[in-house]
Amino acid sequence: MQVVGRVESLWRYPVKSMRGEELAEAFAGFPGIYGDRLYAFRSSAAPKGFPYLTGREQEAMLLYRPKYRHPERMAKPPNLVEAEAIAPGATPVYADQADCMVDVETPAGELLVIDDPRLISLLGERVRGAPELRLLRSDRAMTDCRPISLFSIQTARRLGEELETEIDKRRFRANVYADLQSGKAFDEDKLVGRTLRVGAKTVIAVIDRDPRCKMITLDPDSAQANPEVIRRLARLHDGKAGVYAAVLVEGTIRPGDEIALLE
């Protein structure tokens, strides 16, 4: 088994397109990182295949800070220990809706419950076409393509060098940021089609490279756009950065955990 890197940090995004939160540990389940993107806002102006309001249409979404009201209950499934004790490992149940309640701090500092109509009103301000917005809640992560996204800190560093500016890794909104053993940017691309063990138990299959959109042009602290980020990525890297993965074996992962090839 070849070690290819370590987990540099772990992140989840309780509300799709809003600010993420760094985690001390994360349960990687078949639906994705526990508590990741359980909420989103459906837009009447969005296509049926991707019906969400995102930072592409409302850049200020990145400045909203969602927090689980009961973070201790959203750290992992409530019956995880008992489920793992049943051979070969039963799939745990997920939290009740009351445990998943989210409060959102607006850019102005106002604290609103996720289903407060005022929050929808604020999110709809100055969005082209004045679409109708509706809150969605799911028991699985409403990710763009696959349950897990992985991105190396080396790739973020290289893009910064190419743009002659510091690039915040948070622009890429990954779940797992990896510090690669090779030290080479874009080496996560070589993991496509491979199976990895992350930490003591979790196994993921790397499915594909991650095609990027306007979201990576937005500064995570100011929401100001730098279009040159996506232009440079398109010219030099086929418009892709980072990889998508699916979970084959559920488990808990932590910063510092080894990432190793299983085949």
Protein backbone atom coordinates (compact mmCIF):
# COMPACT_ATOMS: atom_id res chain seq x y z
CA MET A 1 0.00 0.00 0.00
CA GLN A 2 1.50 3.30 -1.15
CA VAL A 3 0.98 6.46 0.89
CA VAL A 4 0.30 9.35 -1.50
CA GLY A 5 -0.41 12.09 1.00
CA ARG A 6 -2.14 13.19 4.17
CA VAL A 7 -5.35 15.00 4.98
CA GLU A 8 -4.43 18.67 5.40
CA SER A 9 -7.92 19.80 6.48
CA LEU A 10 -11.58 18.81 6.32
CA TRP A 11 -14.52 21.02 5.37
CA ARG A 12 -18.26 20.87 5.00
CA TYR A 13 -20.85 23.36 3.77
CA PRO A 14 -24.17 23.12 5.66
CA VAL A 15 -25.91 25.27 3.02
CA LYS A 16 -24.99 24.95 -0.64
CA SER A 17 -22.96 27.97 -1.82
CA MET A 18 -22.72 29.55 1.64
CA ARG A 19 -19.54 29.70 3.71
CA GLY A 20 -18.03 26.41 4.83
CA GLU A 21 -16.74 25.26 8.21
CA GLU A 22 -13.50 23.48 9.04
CA LEU A 23 -13.89 20.21 10.94
CA ALA A 24 -11.75 18.45 13.53
CA GLU A 25 -13.09 15.15 12.16
CA ALA A 26 -15.63 14.11 9.56
CA PHE A 27 -17.76 11.04 8.98
CA ALA A 28 -17.56 10.12 5.30
CA GLY A 29 -20.73 8.21 4.48
CA PHE A 30 -22.14 6.92 1.21
CA PRO A 31 -24.15 10.17 0.75
CA GLY A 32 -21.06 12.32 1.43
CA ILE A 33 -19.52 14.12 4.39
CA TYR A 34 -21.96 14.06 7.31
CA GLY A 35 -23.85 17.35 7.45
CA ASP A 36 -22.50 18.58 4.11
CA ARG A 37 -24.86 20.60 1.89
CA LEU A 38 -28.03 19.35 3.56
CA TYR A 39 -29.71 22.64 2.66
CA ALA A 40 -29.95 24.51 -0.62
CA PHE A 41 -32.22 27.04 -2.27
CA ARG A 42 -34.13 26.05 -5.39
CA SER A 43 -34.40 28.76 -8.01
CA SER A 44 -37.21 28.95 -10.55
CA ALA A 45 -34.71 30.40 -13.05
CA ALA A 46 -32.25 27.49 -12.76
CA PRO A 47 -32.24 24.51 -15.16
CA LYS A 48 -34.03 21.32 -14.08
CA GLY A 49 -30.79 19.36 -13.98
CA PHE A 50 -29.20 21.84 -11.56
CA PRO A 51 -32.06 23.71 -9.88
CA TYR A 52 -30.12 25.63 -7.23
CA LEU A 53 -29.35 29.25 -6.47
CA THR A 54 -25.56 29.51 -6.09
CA GLY A 55 -22.79 32.07 -5.89
CA ARG A 56 -22.76 32.19 -9.67
CA GLU A 57 -26.02 34.13 -9.55
CA GLN A 58 -25.79 35.61 -6.03
CA GLU A 59 -22.13 36.23 -5.19
CA ALA A 60 -22.99 37.43 -1.69
CA MET A 61 -24.08 33.90 -0.73
CA LEU A 62 -20.44 33.19 0.15
CA LEU A 63 -20.65 35.79 2.92
CA TYR A 64 -23.53 34.09 4.74
CA ARG A 65 -22.34 31.93 7.68
CA PRO A 66 -24.50 28.86 8.42
CA LYS A 67 -24.04 27.02 11.71
CA TYR A 68 -25.74 23.92 13.01
CA ARG A 69 -27.71 24.79 16.12
CA HIS A 70 -26.61 21.51 17.74
CA PRO A 71 -23.06 20.96 16.41
CA GLU A 72 -22.40 18.09 18.83
CA ARG A 73 -25.32 16.16 17.28
CA MET A 74 -24.10 16.83 13.75
CA ALA A 75 -20.56 15.55 14.25
CA LYS A 76 -21.49 11.97 13.30
CA PRO A 77 -24.53 9.66 13.02
CA PRO A 78 -26.17 9.13 16.41
CA ASN A 79 -25.85 5.31 16.32
CA LEU A 80 -22.47 5.10 14.60
CA VAL A 81 -20.74 3.02 17.28
CA GLU A 82 -23.56 0.50 17.45
CA ALA A 83 -23.87 0.25 13.66
CA GLU A 84 -20.14 -0.30 13.17
CA ALA A 85 -20.24 -3.13 15.73
CA ILE A 86 -22.62 -5.14 13.53
CA ALA A 87 -20.57 -7.19 11.05
CA PRO A 88 -19.69 -6.31 8.34
CA GLY A 89 -20.77 -2.83 9.47
CA ALA A 90 -24.35 -1.60 9.22
CA THR A 91 -25.21 1.71 7.59
CA PRO A 92 -25.94 4.17 10.42
CA VAL A 93 -29.07 6.28 10.63
CA TYR A 94 -28.85 10.01 10.12
CA ALA A 95 -29.91 12.80 12.47
CA ASP A 96 -33.50 13.85 13.00
CA GLN A 97 -34.60 17.06 11.32
CA ALA A 98 -34.62 18.93 14.64
CA ASP A 99 -30.95 18.07 15.14
CA CYS A 100 -30.13 19.42 11.66
CA MET A 101 -31.52 22.90 12.27
CA VAL A 102 -29.27 25.65 10.93
CA ASP A 103 -29.01 29.31 11.87
CA VAL A 104 -27.49 31.69 9.33
CA GLU A 105 -25.57 34.87 10.07
CA THR A 106 -26.05 37.37 7.26
CA PRO A 107 -23.24 39.64 6.01
CA ALA A 108 -24.84 42.43 8.08
CA GLY A 109 -24.62 40.33 11.26
CA GLU A 110 -28.30 39.43 11.52
CA LEU A 111 -29.01 35.88 12.74
CA LEU A 112 -31.84 34.10 10.93
CA VAL A 113 -33.24 30.58 11.04
CA ILE A 114 -32.65 28.74 7.77
CA ASP A 115 -36.39 28.67 6.97
CA ASP A 116 -37.02 32.34 7.82
CA PRO A 117 -38.77 34.01 4.83
CA ARG A 118 -36.55 37.05 5.36
CA LEU A 119 -33.51 34.94 4.46
CA ILE A 120 -35.07 34.02 1.13
CA SER A 121 -35.88 37.68 0.55
CA LEU A 122 -32.27 38.71 1.21
CA LEU A 123 -30.86 36.01 -1.03
CA GLY A 124 -33.12 37.06 -3.87
CA GLU A 125 -32.00 40.69 -3.83
CA ARG A 126 -30.51 41.85 -7.13
CA VAL A 127 -30.57 38.36 -8.65
CA ARG A 128 -31.20 38.64 -12.38
CA GLY A 129 -34.76 37.79 -13.35
CA ALA A 130 -36.04 37.94 -9.74
CA PRO A 131 -36.55 34.16 -9.56
CA GLU A 132 -38.79 32.46 -7.01
CA LEU A 133 -36.67 30.79 -4.32
CA ARG A 134 -37.60 27.83 -2.13
CA LEU A 135 -35.67 26.10 0.65
CA LEU A 136 -34.66 22.48 0.04
CA ARG A 137 -33.54 20.00 2.71
CA SER A 138 -32.08 16.57 1.98
CA ASP A 139 -30.67 13.67 4.00
CA ARG A 140 -27.86 13.36 1.47
CA ALA A 141 -25.30 15.94 0.44
CA MET A 142 -26.58 18.07 -2.44
CA THR A 143 -23.17 18.15 -4.08
CA ASP A 144 -22.68 19.12 -7.70
CA CYS A 145 -21.60 15.73 -9.05
CA ARG A 146 -20.16 13.23 -6.52
CA PRO A 147 -20.31 12.84 -2.72
CA ILE A 148 -16.69 13.81 -1.97
CA SER A 149 -14.39 16.45 -3.45
CA LEU A 150 -10.61 16.33 -2.93
CA PHE A 151 -8.15 19.11 -3.72
CA SER A 152 -4.44 19.40 -3.02
CA ILE A 153 -2.79 22.37 -1.38
CA GLN A 154 -0.04 22.03 -3.99
CA THR A 155 -2.55 22.76 -6.76
CA ALA A 156 -3.75 25.89 -4.96
CA ARG A 157 -0.15 27.00 -4.53
CA ARG A 158 0.65 26.45 -8.23
CA LEU A 159 -2.36 28.43 -9.38
CA GLY A 160 -1.27 31.27 -7.13
CA GLU A 161 2.19 31.20 -8.68
CA GLU A 162 0.72 31.26 -12.19
CA LEU A 163 -1.48 34.22 -11.27
CA GLU A 164 1.32 35.92 -9.29
CA THR A 165 -0.95 36.27 -6.27
CA GLU A 166 -1.92 34.19 -3.26
CA ILE A 167 -4.84 31.88 -3.95
CA ASP A 168 -6.95 30.85 -0.96
CA LYS A 169 -7.65 27.12 -1.12
CA ARG A 170 -11.20 27.81 0.11
CA ARG A 171 -12.10 29.09 -3.35
CA PHE A 172 -12.30 25.45 -4.43
CA ARG A 173 -14.82 24.41 -1.74
CA ALA A 174 -13.43 20.90 -1.29
CA ASN A 175 -14.33 18.46 1.46
CA VAL A 176 -10.82 17.03 1.75
CA TYR A 177 -7.74 19.17 1.22
CA ALA A 178 -4.71 16.95 0.72
CA ASP A 179 -1.01 17.50 1.24
CA LEU A 180 0.48 15.26 -1.45
CA GLN A 181 3.58 13.20 -0.82
CA SER A 182 4.95 14.08 -4.25
CA GLY A 183 4.71 17.81 -3.55
CA LYS A 184 3.54 18.29 -7.14
CA ALA A 185 0.56 20.36 -8.21
CA PHE A 186 -2.30 18.59 -9.99
CA ASP A 187 -0.96 15.18 -8.96
CA GLU A 188 -4.43 14.38 -7.62
CA ASP A 189 -5.35 13.94 -11.31
CA LYS A 190 -3.26 10.75 -11.30
CA LEU A 191 -5.62 9.27 -8.72
CA VAL A 192 -8.58 9.14 -11.11
CA GLY A 193 -9.66 5.52 -11.50
CA ARG A 194 -7.82 4.50 -8.32
CA THR A 195 -9.08 3.43 -4.90
CA LEU A 196 -7.80 5.16 -1.77
CA ARG A 197 -7.93 4.45 1.92
CA VAL A 198 -8.23 7.64 3.96
CA GLY A 199 -7.45 7.16 7.63
CA ALA A 200 -7.95 3.83 9.35
CA LYS A 201 -11.11 2.70 7.59
CA THR A 202 -12.63 4.99 4.97
CA VAL A 203 -12.25 3.87 1.35
CA ILE A 204 -13.05 6.12 -1.61
CA ALA A 205 -12.99 5.63 -5.37
CA VAL A 206 -11.70 8.63 -7.31
CA ILE A 207 -14.08 9.06 -10.23
CA ASP A 208 -13.11 12.08 -12.30
CA ARG A 209 -11.38 15.44 -12.47
CA ASP A 210 -13.43 18.42 -11.29
CA PRO A 211 -14.52 20.85 -14.03
CA ARG A 212 -14.61 24.35 -12.58
CA CYS A 213 -16.99 27.29 -12.88
CA LYS A 214 -17.32 30.92 -11.78
CA MET A 215 -17.31 29.92 -8.09
CA ILE A 216 -13.51 29.70 -7.99
CA THR A 217 -13.23 33.32 -9.14
CA LEU A 218 -14.90 34.52 -5.91
CA ASP A 219 -12.80 35.50 -2.92
CA PRO A 220 -14.19 33.53 0.08
CA ASP A 221 -13.91 36.53 2.43
CA SER A 222 -15.16 39.34 0.20
CA ALA A 223 -17.05 37.59 -2.65
CA GLN A 224 -15.15 39.84 -5.06
CA ALA A 225 -14.62 38.16 -8.44
CA ASN A 226 -11.28 37.68 -10.18
CA PRO A 227 -12.18 36.28 -13.62
CA GLU A 228 -8.52 35.64 -14.40
CA VAL A 229 -8.60 32.60 -12.09
CA ILE A 230 -10.98 30.67 -14.34
CA ARG A 231 -9.35 32.02 -17.51
CA ARG A 232 -5.92 30.80 -16.45
CA LEU A 233 -7.31 27.42 -15.41
CA ALA A 234 -9.02 27.06 -18.79
CA ARG A 235 -5.88 27.97 -20.74
CA LEU A 236 -3.39 25.84 -18.83
CA HIS A 237 -5.34 23.05 -17.13
CA ASP A 238 -8.39 22.21 -19.27
CA GLY A 239 -10.59 24.16 -16.85
CA LYS A 240 -10.26 21.42 -14.22
CA ALA A 241 -8.76 21.34 -10.73
CA GLY A 242 -9.21 18.74 -8.01
CA VAL A 243 -11.08 15.44 -8.21
CA TYR A 244 -14.42 13.87 -7.32
CA ALA A 245 -14.78 10.64 -5.37
CA ALA A 246 -17.43 8.19 -4.18
CA VAL A 247 -17.38 6.47 -0.79
CA LEU A 248 -16.97 2.68 -0.87
CA VAL A 249 -16.42 2.08 2.86
CA GLU A 250 -17.82 4.54 5.39
CA GLY A 251 -15.64 5.84 8.19
CA THR A 252 -14.34 8.77 10.18
CA ILE A 253 -11.39 10.79 8.90
CA ARG A 254 -9.27 13.43 10.60
CA PRO A 255 -6.59 15.98 9.64
CA GLY A 256 -3.21 14.25 9.48
CA ASP A 257 -4.68 10.92 8.36
CA GLU A 258 -2.78 9.05 5.68
CA ILE A 259 -4.14 8.84 2.14
CA ALA A 260 -2.97 5.58 0.61
CA LEU A 261 -3.48 3.73 -2.68
CA LEU A 262 -5.17 0.36 -2.28
CA GLU A 263 -4.36 -0.86 -5.78
